[in-house]
């Protein structure tokens, strides 16, 4: 029997018990009070367990949504970085002097200024440039 069915059964039994304000021993249709109380307690326990399970599910869903929003924000920031860097090319492609890793030519600038960025400095450089453009 489902939890909702057990609760409904307990409520119907309680209504019948209250409606007939006589001793349950004289009416075969009236449940005994101790049986009614046990059924009501069991139904409330089942509802409490269902409520706890629903709260845990909502919590997992909220955490999952928070992770998804964080990932979307990270992708948005990456898109901004890509947009900033897409008109900048490695300087060695332009001057043909061999590899010059971390040296970029700013193609948005009329003079094509060289920008030296290496390793983690690239993120800092791009972040600083993005802040200036906003």
Protein backbone atom coordinates (compact mmCIF):
# COMPACT_ATOMS: atom_id res chain seq x y z
CA UNK A 1 0.00 0.00 0.00
CA UNK A 2 1.37 3.42 -0.95
CA UNK A 3 2.06 6.05 1.69
CA UNK A 4 -0.72 8.29 0.41
CA UNK A 5 -3.18 5.37 0.52
CA UNK A 6 -2.16 4.50 4.09
CA UNK A 7 -2.59 8.11 5.17
CA UNK A 8 -5.98 8.35 3.47
CA UNK A 9 -7.07 5.10 5.11
CA UNK A 10 -5.98 6.39 8.53
CA UNK A 11 -7.87 9.67 8.00
CA UNK A 12 -11.04 7.82 6.93
CA UNK A 13 -10.77 5.57 9.98
CA UNK A 14 -10.28 8.60 12.22
CA UNK A 15 -13.29 10.37 10.69
CA UNK A 16 -15.42 7.28 11.26
CA UNK A 17 -14.17 6.99 14.84
CA UNK A 18 -14.96 10.65 15.61
CA UNK A 19 -18.31 10.55 13.81
CA UNK A 20 -19.49 7.67 15.96
CA UNK A 21 -18.94 8.94 19.46
CA UNK A 22 -19.57 5.56 20.96
CA UNK A 23 -17.41 2.76 22.19
CA UNK A 24 -15.60 1.03 19.33
CA UNK A 25 -16.37 -2.33 20.92
CA UNK A 26 -20.06 -1.89 20.07
CA UNK A 27 -19.49 -1.07 16.39
CA UNK A 28 -17.81 -3.61 14.13
CA UNK A 29 -17.04 -0.88 11.55
CA UNK A 30 -15.11 1.28 14.05
CA UNK A 31 -11.40 0.50 14.29
CA UNK A 32 -9.87 0.18 17.70
CA UNK A 33 -8.18 3.37 18.90
CA UNK A 34 -4.75 1.77 19.33
CA UNK A 35 -4.87 0.40 15.75
CA UNK A 36 -5.93 3.80 14.46
CA UNK A 37 -3.14 5.52 16.35
CA UNK A 38 -0.53 3.06 15.02
CA UNK A 39 -1.75 3.58 11.45
CA UNK A 40 -1.63 7.36 11.84
CA UNK A 41 1.89 7.26 13.31
CA UNK A 42 3.08 4.95 10.52
CA UNK A 43 1.59 7.27 7.89
CA UNK A 44 3.22 10.35 9.46
CA UNK A 45 6.57 8.52 9.65
CA UNK A 46 6.27 7.56 5.99
CA UNK A 47 5.43 11.14 5.03
CA UNK A 48 8.39 12.42 7.06
CA UNK A 49 10.70 9.99 5.27
CA UNK A 50 9.28 11.07 1.91
CA UNK A 51 9.77 14.72 2.85
CA UNK A 52 13.40 14.06 3.82
CA UNK A 53 13.99 12.21 0.55
CA UNK A 54 12.45 15.09 -1.42
CA UNK A 55 14.63 17.61 0.45
CA UNK A 56 17.74 15.57 -0.33
CA UNK A 57 16.73 15.38 -4.00
CA UNK A 58 16.14 19.16 -4.12
CA UNK A 59 19.53 19.74 -2.48
CA UNK A 60 21.27 17.53 -5.09
CA UNK A 61 19.40 19.33 -7.87
CA UNK A 62 20.41 22.74 -6.46
CA UNK A 63 24.06 21.69 -6.26
CA UNK A 64 23.90 20.32 -9.80
CA UNK A 65 22.35 23.57 -11.04
CA UNK A 66 25.04 25.60 -9.24
CA UNK A 67 27.76 23.52 -10.91
CA UNK A 68 26.09 23.98 -14.28
CA UNK A 69 25.84 27.76 -13.79
CA UNK A 70 29.51 27.90 -12.77
CA UNK A 71 30.47 25.95 -15.90
CA UNK A 72 28.38 28.29 -18.07
CA UNK A 73 30.09 31.30 -16.46
CA UNK A 74 33.53 29.74 -17.08
CA UNK A 75 32.63 29.10 -20.72
CA UNK A 76 31.39 32.69 -21.07
CA UNK A 77 34.71 33.99 -19.72
CA UNK A 78 36.59 31.67 -22.08
CA UNK A 79 34.52 33.03 -24.96
CA UNK A 80 35.49 36.58 -23.96
CA UNK A 81 39.15 35.54 -23.89
CA UNK A 82 38.82 33.89 -27.29
CA UNK A 83 37.13 37.00 -28.70
CA UNK A 84 39.97 39.15 -27.35
CA UNK A 85 42.71 36.87 -28.68
CA UNK A 86 41.22 36.01 -32.05
CA UNK A 87 42.68 39.15 -33.69
CA UNK A 88 46.07 38.60 -32.10
CA UNK A 89 48.51 36.18 -33.69
CA UNK A 90 51.90 34.86 -32.57
CA UNK A 91 54.59 37.34 -33.66
CA UNK A 92 56.77 34.58 -35.13
CA UNK A 93 54.09 34.02 -37.79
CA UNK A 94 54.41 37.66 -38.79
CA UNK A 95 58.18 38.15 -38.72
CA UNK A 96 59.38 34.66 -39.70
CA UNK A 97 62.29 34.80 -37.22
CA UNK A 98 61.54 31.51 -35.58
CA UNK A 99 59.56 30.65 -32.51
CA UNK A 100 58.89 33.47 -30.11
CA UNK A 101 56.44 31.81 -27.76
CA UNK A 102 54.47 34.21 -25.68
CA UNK A 103 55.00 37.18 -28.02
CA UNK A 104 51.78 38.32 -29.60
CA UNK A 105 51.04 41.03 -32.10
CA UNK A 106 48.01 43.16 -31.26
CA UNK A 107 46.22 43.34 -34.61
CA UNK A 108 43.57 45.73 -33.24
CA UNK A 109 46.29 48.32 -32.73
CA UNK A 110 47.20 50.35 -35.84
CA UNK A 111 50.91 49.94 -35.12
CA UNK A 112 50.64 46.21 -34.46
CA UNK A 113 52.33 46.54 -31.06
CA UNK A 114 54.03 43.43 -29.75
CA UNK A 115 52.73 42.18 -26.43
CA UNK A 116 54.94 39.86 -24.39
CA UNK A 117 52.94 37.34 -22.42
CA UNK A 118 54.20 34.01 -21.13
CA UNK A 119 52.53 31.19 -19.25
CA UNK A 120 50.07 32.32 -16.61
CA UNK A 121 50.76 35.92 -17.58
CA UNK A 122 48.52 35.34 -20.59
CA UNK A 123 45.46 35.01 -18.37
CA UNK A 124 46.43 38.10 -16.38
CA UNK A 125 47.09 40.07 -19.58
CA UNK A 126 43.79 39.05 -21.15
CA UNK A 127 41.86 39.72 -17.94
CA UNK A 128 43.41 43.19 -17.67
CA UNK A 129 42.61 43.94 -21.31
CA UNK A 130 39.03 42.74 -20.88
CA UNK A 131 38.56 44.99 -17.84
CA UNK A 132 39.83 47.98 -19.85
CA UNK A 133 37.35 47.31 -22.65
CA UNK A 134 34.32 47.09 -20.32
